Amino acid sequence: MSECNVDHSVEDVKGKLHQQKQHLPEGMTERLLQFMEQDHTQEILNEIFHLLKKYDLADEKEKTARNKRFQILLANL
């Protein structure tokens, strides 16, 4: 994933999540929505946004890597 200098809001992240929900593993959307109910740093919001960005176009290896990162982030629930 490339670097981006745009700060993404909670609304941006939730919007991207809803765009990609049909492509995410079962239960991931609900867990991410629950995670988003907490306060997070701008760095975390940006990371989640970019993990979700073009998720549907990623190959299986990339999806696996992104899913592992989601799991790490969600372990803080």
PDB file of N, CA and C in Angstrom:
ATOM      1  N   MET A   1       0.846  -1.176   0.000  1.00  0.00           N
ATOM      2  CA  MET A   1       0.000   0.000   0.000  1.00  0.00           C
ATOM      3  C   MET A   1       0.887   1.233   0.000  1.00  0.00           C
ATOM      4  N   SER A   2       0.463   2.224  -0.710  1.00  0.00           N
ATOM      5  CA  SER A   2       1.249   3.444  -0.785  1.00  0.00           C
ATOM      6  C   SER A   2       0.904   4.389   0.352  1.00  0.00           C
ATOM      7  N   GLU A   3       1.832   5.310   0.603  1.00  0.00           N
ATOM      8  CA  GLU A   3       1.622   6.309   1.650  1.00  0.00           C
ATOM      9  C   GLU A   3       0.621   7.354   1.169  1.00  0.00           C
ATOM     10  N   CYS A   4      -0.139   7.889   2.100  1.00  0.00           N
ATOM     11  CA  CYS A   4      -1.131   8.912   1.803  1.00  0.00           C
ATOM     12  C   CYS A   4      -1.046   9.962   2.898  1.00  0.00           C
ATOM     13  N   ASN A   5      -1.118  11.211   2.504  1.00  0.00           N
ATOM     14  CA  ASN A   5      -1.023  12.289   3.471  1.00  0.00           C
ATOM     15  C   ASN A   5      -2.382  12.835   3.889  1.00  0.00           C
ATOM     16  N   VAL A   6      -3.453  12.157   3.501  1.00  0.00           N
ATOM     17  CA  VAL A   6      -4.802  12.595   3.850  1.00  0.00           C
ATOM     18  C   VAL A   6      -5.202  11.964   5.173  1.00  0.00           C
ATOM     19  N   ASP A   7      -5.723  12.783   6.083  1.00  0.00           N
ATOM     20  CA  ASP A   7      -6.267  12.252   7.330  1.00  0.00           C
ATOM     21  C   ASP A   7      -7.720  11.883   7.100  1.00  0.00           C
ATOM     22  N   HIS A   8      -8.068  10.637   7.389  1.00  0.00           N
ATOM     23  CA  HIS A   8      -9.412  10.134   7.156  1.00  0.00           C
ATOM     24  C   HIS A   8     -10.223  10.187   8.447  1.00  0.00           C
ATOM     25  N   SER A   9     -11.448  10.666   8.338  1.00  0.00           N
ATOM     26  CA  SER A   9     -12.335  10.778   9.500  1.00  0.00           C
ATOM     27  C   SER A   9     -12.961   9.417   9.806  1.00  0.00           C
ATOM     28  N   VAL A  10     -13.597   9.323  10.961  1.00  0.00           N
ATOM     29  CA  VAL A  10     -14.339   8.112  11.325  1.00  0.00           C
ATOM     30  C   VAL A  10     -15.398   7.835  10.261  1.00  0.00           C
ATOM     31  N   GLU A  11     -16.055   8.883   9.780  1.00  0.00           N
ATOM     32  CA  GLU A  11     -17.086   8.720   8.751  1.00  0.00           C
ATOM     33  C   GLU A  11     -16.487   8.172   7.456  1.00  0.00           C
ATOM     34  N   ASP A  12     -15.298   8.658   7.080  1.00  0.00           N
ATOM     35  CA  ASP A  12     -14.611   8.137   5.890  1.00  0.00           C
ATOM     36  C   ASP A  12     -14.354   6.642   6.040  1.00  0.00           C
ATOM     37  N   VAL A  13     -13.840   6.260   7.206  1.00  0.00           N
ATOM     38  CA  VAL A  13     -13.501   4.860   7.453  1.00  0.00           C
ATOM     39  C   VAL A  13     -14.761   3.996   7.423  1.00  0.00           C
ATOM     40  N   LYS A  14     -15.818   4.446   8.070  1.00  0.00           N
ATOM     41  CA  LYS A  14     -17.068   3.675   8.066  1.00  0.00           C
ATOM     42  C   LYS A  14     -17.635   3.569   6.664  1.00  0.00           C
ATOM     43  N   GLY A  15     -17.531   4.634   5.884  1.00  0.00           N
ATOM     44  CA  GLY A  15     -18.004   4.598   4.501  1.00  0.00           C
ATOM     45  C   GLY A  15     -17.236   3.580   3.674  1.00  0.00           C
ATOM     46  N   LYS A  16     -15.918   3.564   3.836  1.00  0.00           N
ATOM     47  CA  LYS A  16     -15.085   2.603   3.112  1.00  0.00           C
ATOM     48  C   LYS A  16     -15.396   1.184   3.576  1.00  0.00           C
ATOM     49  N   LEU A  17     -15.644   1.025   4.856  1.00  0.00           N
ATOM     50  CA  LEU A  17     -16.003  -0.290   5.397  1.00  0.00           C
ATOM     51  C   LEU A  17     -17.298  -0.786   4.762  1.00  0.00           C
ATOM     52  N   HIS A  18     -18.281   0.077   4.648  1.00  0.00           N
ATOM     53  CA  HIS A  18     -19.551  -0.333   4.037  1.00  0.00           C
ATOM     54  C   HIS A  18     -19.377  -0.659   2.555  1.00  0.00           C
ATOM     55  N   GLN A  19     -18.475   0.032   1.874  1.00  0.00           N
ATOM     56  CA  GLN A  19     -18.207  -0.266   0.463  1.00  0.00           C
ATOM     57  C   GLN A  19     -17.586  -1.649   0.288  1.00  0.00           C
ATOM     58  N   GLN A  20     -16.781  -2.059   1.249  1.00  0.00           N
ATOM     59  CA  GLN A  20     -16.012  -3.301   1.114  1.00  0.00           C
ATOM     60  C   GLN A  20     -16.601  -4.483   1.884  1.00  0.00           C
ATOM     61  N   LYS A  21     -17.683  -4.260   2.617  1.00  0.00           N
ATOM     62  CA  LYS A  21     -18.173  -5.299   3.529  1.00  0.00           C
ATOM     63  C   LYS A  21     -18.456  -6.628   2.857  1.00  0.00           C
ATOM     64  N   GLN A  22     -18.919  -6.636   1.639  1.00  0.00           N
ATOM     65  CA  GLN A  22     -19.230  -7.906   0.979  1.00  0.00           C
ATOM     66  C   GLN A  22     -17.978  -8.697   0.609  1.00  0.00           C
ATOM     67  N   HIS A  23     -16.823  -8.049   0.652  1.00  0.00           N
ATOM     68  CA  HIS A  23     -15.567  -8.703   0.284  1.00  0.00           C
ATOM     69  C   HIS A  23     -14.756  -9.146   1.497  1.00  0.00           C
ATOM     70  N   LEU A  24     -15.144  -8.692   2.675  1.00  0.00           N
ATOM     71  CA  LEU A  24     -14.410  -9.007   3.899  1.00  0.00           C
ATOM     72  C   LEU A  24     -14.812 -10.376   4.448  1.00  0.00           C
ATOM     73  N   PRO A  25     -13.930 -10.993   5.227  1.00  0.00           N
ATOM     74  CA  PRO A  25     -14.273 -12.275   5.857  1.00  0.00           C
ATOM     75  C   PRO A  25     -15.512 -12.127   6.754  1.00  0.00           C
ATOM     76  N   GLU A  26     -16.212 -13.209   6.924  1.00  0.00           N
ATOM     77  CA  GLU A  26     -17.427 -13.216   7.741  1.00  0.00           C
ATOM     78  C   GLU A  26     -17.130 -12.691   9.143  1.00  0.00           C
ATOM     79  N   GLY A  27     -17.965 -11.775   9.595  1.00  0.00           N
ATOM     80  CA  GLY A  27     -17.843 -11.219  10.928  1.00  0.00           C
ATOM     81  C   GLY A  27     -16.907 -10.024  11.040  1.00  0.00           C
ATOM     82  N   MET A  28     -16.084  -9.806  10.021  1.00  0.00           N
ATOM     83  CA  MET A  28     -15.101  -8.724  10.091  1.00  0.00           C
ATOM     84  C   MET A  28     -15.776  -7.350  10.111  1.00  0.00           C
ATOM     85  N   THR A  29     -16.809  -7.160   9.315  1.00  0.00           N
ATOM     86  CA  THR A  29     -17.490  -5.862   9.271  1.00  0.00           C
ATOM     87  C   THR A  29     -18.042  -5.502  10.635  1.00  0.00           C
ATOM     88  N   GLU A  30     -18.699  -6.438  11.287  1.00  0.00           N
ATOM     89  CA  GLU A  30     -19.290  -6.172  12.594  1.00  0.00           C
ATOM     90  C   GLU A  30     -18.215  -5.854  13.625  1.00  0.00           C
ATOM     91  N   ARG A  31     -17.126  -6.608  13.586  1.00  0.00           N
ATOM     92  CA  ARG A  31     -16.031  -6.367  14.535  1.00  0.00           C
ATOM     93  C   ARG A  31     -15.392  -5.005  14.302  1.00  0.00           C
ATOM     94  N   LEU A  32     -15.214  -4.639  13.040  1.00  0.00           N
ATOM     95  CA  LEU A  32     -14.628  -3.332  12.736  1.00  0.00           C
ATOM     96  C   LEU A  32     -15.570  -2.197  13.131  1.00  0.00           C
ATOM     97  N   LEU A  33     -16.857  -2.373  12.912  1.00  0.00           N
ATOM     98  CA  LEU A  33     -17.809  -1.336  13.328  1.00  0.00           C
ATOM     99  C   LEU A  33     -17.779  -1.157  14.842  1.00  0.00           C
ATOM    100  N   GLN A  34     -17.697  -2.256  15.559  1.00  0.00           N
ATOM    101  CA  GLN A  34     -17.600  -2.187  17.019  1.00  0.00           C
ATOM    102  C   GLN A  34     -16.302  -1.483  17.422  1.00  0.00           C
ATOM    103  N   PHE A  35     -15.217  -1.819  16.768  1.00  0.00           N
ATOM    104  CA  PHE A  35     -13.920  -1.194  17.024  1.00  0.00           C
ATOM    105  C   PHE A  35     -13.993   0.312  16.782  1.00  0.00           C
ATOM    106  N   MET A  36     -14.730   0.712  15.752  1.00  0.00           N
ATOM    107  CA  MET A  36     -14.829   2.127  15.387  1.00  0.00           C
ATOM    108  C   MET A  36     -15.663   2.936  16.380  1.00  0.00           C
ATOM    109  N   GLU A  37     -16.368   2.279  17.265  1.00  0.00           N
ATOM    110  CA  GLU A  37     -17.141   2.984  18.287  1.00  0.00           C
ATOM    111  C   GLU A  37     -16.237   3.569  19.370  1.00  0.00           C
ATOM    112  N   GLN A  38     -15.002   3.099  19.430  1.00  0.00           N
ATOM    113  CA  GLN A  38     -14.032   3.607  20.394  1.00  0.00           C
ATOM    114  C   GLN A  38     -13.277   4.779  19.773  1.00  0.00           C
ATOM    115  N   ASP A  39     -12.607   5.548  20.606  1.00  0.00           N
ATOM    116  CA  ASP A  39     -11.755   6.626  20.108  1.00  0.00           C
ATOM    117  C   ASP A  39     -10.422   6.036  19.668  1.00  0.00           C
ATOM    118  N   HIS A  40      -9.950   6.491  18.506  1.00  0.00           N
ATOM    119  CA  HIS A  40      -8.672   6.016  17.977  1.00  0.00           C
ATOM    120  C   HIS A  40      -7.860   7.184  17.453  1.00  0.00           C
ATOM    121  N   THR A  41      -6.565   6.990  17.418  1.00  0.00           N
ATOM    122  CA  THR A  41      -5.682   8.024  16.895  1.00  0.00           C
ATOM    123  C   THR A  41      -5.907   8.177  15.392  1.00  0.00           C
ATOM    124  N   GLN A  42      -5.472   9.310  14.880  1.00  0.00           N
ATOM    125  CA  GLN A  42      -5.574   9.541  13.439  1.00  0.00           C
ATOM    126  C   GLN A  42      -4.781   8.491  12.673  1.00  0.00           C
ATOM    127  N   GLU A  43      -3.662   8.068  13.233  1.00  0.00           N
ATOM    128  CA  GLU A  43      -2.829   7.044  12.596  1.00  0.00           C
ATOM    129  C   GLU A  43      -3.605   5.734  12.421  1.00  0.00           C
ATOM    130  N   ILE A  44      -4.337   5.327  13.435  1.00  0.00           N
ATOM    131  CA  ILE A  44      -5.132   4.091  13.358  1.00  0.00           C
ATOM    132  C   ILE A  44      -6.259   4.248  12.336  1.00  0.00           C
ATOM    133  N   LEU A  45      -6.956   5.384  12.365  1.00  0.00           N
ATOM    134  CA  LEU A  45      -8.027   5.618  11.390  1.00  0.00           C
ATOM    135  C   LEU A  45      -7.483   5.536   9.966  1.00  0.00           C
ATOM    136  N   ASN A  46      -6.352   6.182   9.728  1.00  0.00           N
ATOM    137  CA  ASN A  46      -5.760   6.152   8.394  1.00  0.00           C
ATOM    138  C   ASN A  46      -5.354   4.736   7.994  1.00  0.00           C
ATOM    139  N   GLU A  47      -4.805   3.990   8.948  1.00  0.00           N
ATOM    140  CA  GLU A  47      -4.387   2.621   8.635  1.00  0.00           C
ATOM    141  C   GLU A  47      -5.583   1.751   8.262  1.00  0.00           C
ATOM    142  N   ILE A  48      -6.648   1.827   9.025  1.00  0.00           N
ATOM    143  CA  ILE A  48      -7.835   1.028   8.715  1.00  0.00           C
ATOM    144  C   ILE A  48      -8.397   1.415   7.350  1.00  0.00           C
ATOM    145  N   PHE A  49      -8.461   2.727   7.089  1.00  0.00           N
ATOM    146  CA  PHE A  49      -8.962   3.180   5.793  1.00  0.00           C
ATOM    147  C   PHE A  49      -8.149   2.550   4.663  1.00  0.00           C
ATOM    148  N   HIS A  50      -6.823   2.571   4.793  1.00  0.00           N
ATOM    149  CA  HIS A  50      -5.982   2.060   3.714  1.00  0.00           C
ATOM    150  C   HIS A  50      -5.953   0.540   3.645  1.00  0.00           C
ATOM    151  N   LEU A  51      -6.221  -0.130   4.744  1.00  0.00           N
ATOM    152  CA  LEU A  51      -6.390  -1.586   4.691  1.00  0.00           C
ATOM    153  C   LEU A  51      -7.663  -1.941   3.921  1.00  0.00           C
ATOM    154  N   LEU A  52      -8.676  -1.093   4.061  1.00  0.00           N
ATOM    155  CA  LEU A  52      -9.950  -1.336   3.379  1.00  0.00           C
ATOM    156  C   LEU A  52      -9.924  -0.884   1.919  1.00  0.00           C
ATOM    157  N   LYS A  53      -9.123   0.135   1.630  1.00  0.00           N
ATOM    158  CA  LYS A  53      -9.087   0.714   0.283  1.00  0.00           C
ATOM    159  C   LYS A  53      -8.691  -0.348  -0.736  1.00  0.00           C
ATOM    160  N   LYS A  54      -9.524  -0.494  -1.740  1.00  0.00           N
ATOM    161  CA  LYS A  54      -9.310  -1.456  -2.843  1.00  0.00           C
ATOM    162  C   LYS A  54      -9.122  -2.883  -2.340  1.00  0.00           C
ATOM    163  N   TYR A  55      -9.699  -3.203  -1.185  1.00  0.00           N
ATOM    164  CA  TYR A  55      -9.622  -4.566  -0.647  1.00  0.00           C
ATOM    165  C   TYR A  55     -10.163  -5.559  -1.665  1.00  0.00           C
ATOM    166  N   ASP A  56     -11.259  -5.171  -2.337  1.00  0.00           N
ATOM    167  CA  ASP A  56     -11.898  -6.061  -3.307  1.00  0.00           C
ATOM    168  C   ASP A  56     -10.990  -6.377  -4.497  1.00  0.00           C
ATOM    169  N   LEU A  57     -10.023  -5.529  -4.784  1.00  0.00           N
ATOM    170  CA  LEU A  57      -9.135  -5.733  -5.924  1.00  0.00           C
ATOM    171  C   LEU A  57      -7.830  -6.431  -5.546  1.00  0.00           C
ATOM    172  N   ALA A  58      -7.602  -6.611  -4.261  1.00  0.00           N
ATOM    173  CA  ALA A  58      -6.354  -7.226  -3.794  1.00  0.00           C
ATOM    174  C   ALA A  58      -6.355  -8.722  -4.101  1.00  0.00           C
ATOM    175  N   ASP A  59      -5.147  -9.255  -4.352  1.00  0.00           N
ATOM    176  CA  ASP A  59      -5.047 -10.700  -4.540  1.00  0.00           C
ATOM    177  C   ASP A  59      -5.122 -11.388  -3.176  1.00  0.00           C
ATOM    178  N   GLU A  60      -5.204 -12.699  -3.197  1.00  0.00           N
ATOM    179  CA  GLU A  60      -5.407 -13.452  -1.951  1.00  0.00           C
ATOM    180  C   GLU A  60      -4.262 -13.256  -0.959  1.00  0.00           C
ATOM    181  N   LYS A  61      -3.044 -13.173  -1.448  1.00  0.00           N
ATOM    182  CA  LYS A  61      -1.896 -12.967  -0.563  1.00  0.00           C
ATOM    183  C   LYS A  61      -2.023 -11.617   0.148  1.00  0.00           C
ATOM    184  N   GLU A  62      -2.396 -10.587  -0.592  1.00  0.00           N
ATOM    185  CA  GLU A  62      -2.559  -9.255  -0.010  1.00  0.00           C
ATOM    186  C   GLU A  62      -3.726  -9.229   0.967  1.00  0.00           C
ATOM    187  N   LYS A  63      -4.832  -9.894   0.638  1.00  0.00           N
ATOM    188  CA  LYS A  63      -5.981  -9.947   1.546  1.00  0.00           C
ATOM    189  C   LYS A  63      -5.601 -10.637   2.852  1.00  0.00           C
ATOM    190  N   THR A  64      -4.826 -11.702   2.746  1.00  0.00           N
ATOM    191  CA  THR A  64      -4.378 -12.410   3.945  1.00  0.00           C
ATOM    192  C   THR A  64      -3.533 -11.497   4.828  1.00  0.00           C
ATOM    193  N   ALA A  65      -2.641 -10.742   4.223  1.00  0.00           N
ATOM    194  CA  ALA A  65      -1.798  -9.812   4.985  1.00  0.00           C
ATOM    195  C   ALA A  65      -2.655  -8.734   5.645  1.00  0.00           C
ATOM    196  N   ARG A  66      -3.620  -8.207   4.917  1.00  0.00           N
ATOM    197  CA  ARG A  66      -4.497  -7.178   5.476  1.00  0.00           C
ATOM    198  C   ARG A  66      -5.341  -7.757   6.607  1.00  0.00           C
ATOM    199  N   ASN A  67      -5.851  -8.980   6.422  1.00  0.00           N
ATOM    200  CA  ASN A  67      -6.664  -9.609   7.465  1.00  0.00           C
ATOM    201  C   ASN A  67      -5.858  -9.824   8.745  1.00  0.00           C
ATOM    202  N   LYS A  68      -4.591 -10.176   8.597  1.00  0.00           N
ATOM    203  CA  LYS A  68      -3.741 -10.345   9.776  1.00  0.00           C
ATOM    204  C   LYS A  68      -3.582  -9.025  10.514  1.00  0.00           C
ATOM    205  N   ARG A  69      -3.425  -7.941   9.782  1.00  0.00           N
ATOM    206  CA  ARG A  69      -3.283  -6.631  10.416  1.00  0.00           C
ATOM    207  C   ARG A  69      -4.590  -6.231  11.101  1.00  0.00           C
ATOM    208  N   PHE A  70      -5.733  -6.525  10.450  1.00  0.00           N
ATOM    209  CA  PHE A  70      -7.025  -6.261  11.094  1.00  0.00           C
ATOM    210  C   PHE A  70      -7.109  -7.018  12.413  1.00  0.00           C
ATOM    211  N   GLN A  71      -6.677  -8.271  12.423  1.00  0.00           N
ATOM    212  CA  GLN A  71      -6.739  -9.087  13.640  1.00  0.00           C
ATOM    213  C   GLN A  71      -5.899  -8.472  14.759  1.00  0.00           C
ATOM    214  N   ILE A  72      -4.739  -7.965  14.404  1.00  0.00           N
ATOM    215  CA  ILE A  72      -3.884  -7.307  15.407  1.00  0.00           C
ATOM    216  C   ILE A  72      -4.582  -6.090  15.980  1.00  0.00           C
ATOM    217  N   LEU A  73      -5.156  -5.270  15.116  1.00  0.00           N
ATOM    218  CA  LEU A  73      -5.862  -4.078  15.578  1.00  0.00           C
ATOM    219  C   LEU A  73      -7.076  -4.437  16.436  1.00  0.00           C
ATOM    220  N   LEU A  74      -7.803  -5.454  16.022  1.00  0.00           N
ATOM    221  CA  LEU A  74      -9.023  -5.849  16.722  1.00  0.00           C
ATOM    222  C   LEU A  74      -8.749  -6.560  18.041  1.00  0.00           C
ATOM    223  N   ALA A  75      -7.535  -7.030  18.209  1.00  0.00           N
ATOM    224  CA  ALA A  75      -7.180  -7.688  19.477  1.00  0.00           C
ATOM    225  C   ALA A  75      -7.281  -6.710  20.646  1.00  0.00           C
ATOM    226  N   ASN A  76      -7.334  -5.436  20.341  1.00  0.00           N
ATOM    227  CA  ASN A  76      -7.443  -4.412  21.378  1.00  0.00           C
ATOM    228  C   ASN A  76      -8.878  -4.148  21.811  1.00  0.00           C
ATOM    229  N   LEU A  77      -9.825  -4.912  21.295  1.00  0.00           N
ATOM    230  CA  LEU A  77     -11.236  -4.722  21.671  1.00  0.00           C
ATOM    231  C   LEU A  77     -11.458  -5.108  23.114  1.00  0.00           C
TER     232      LEU A  77
END
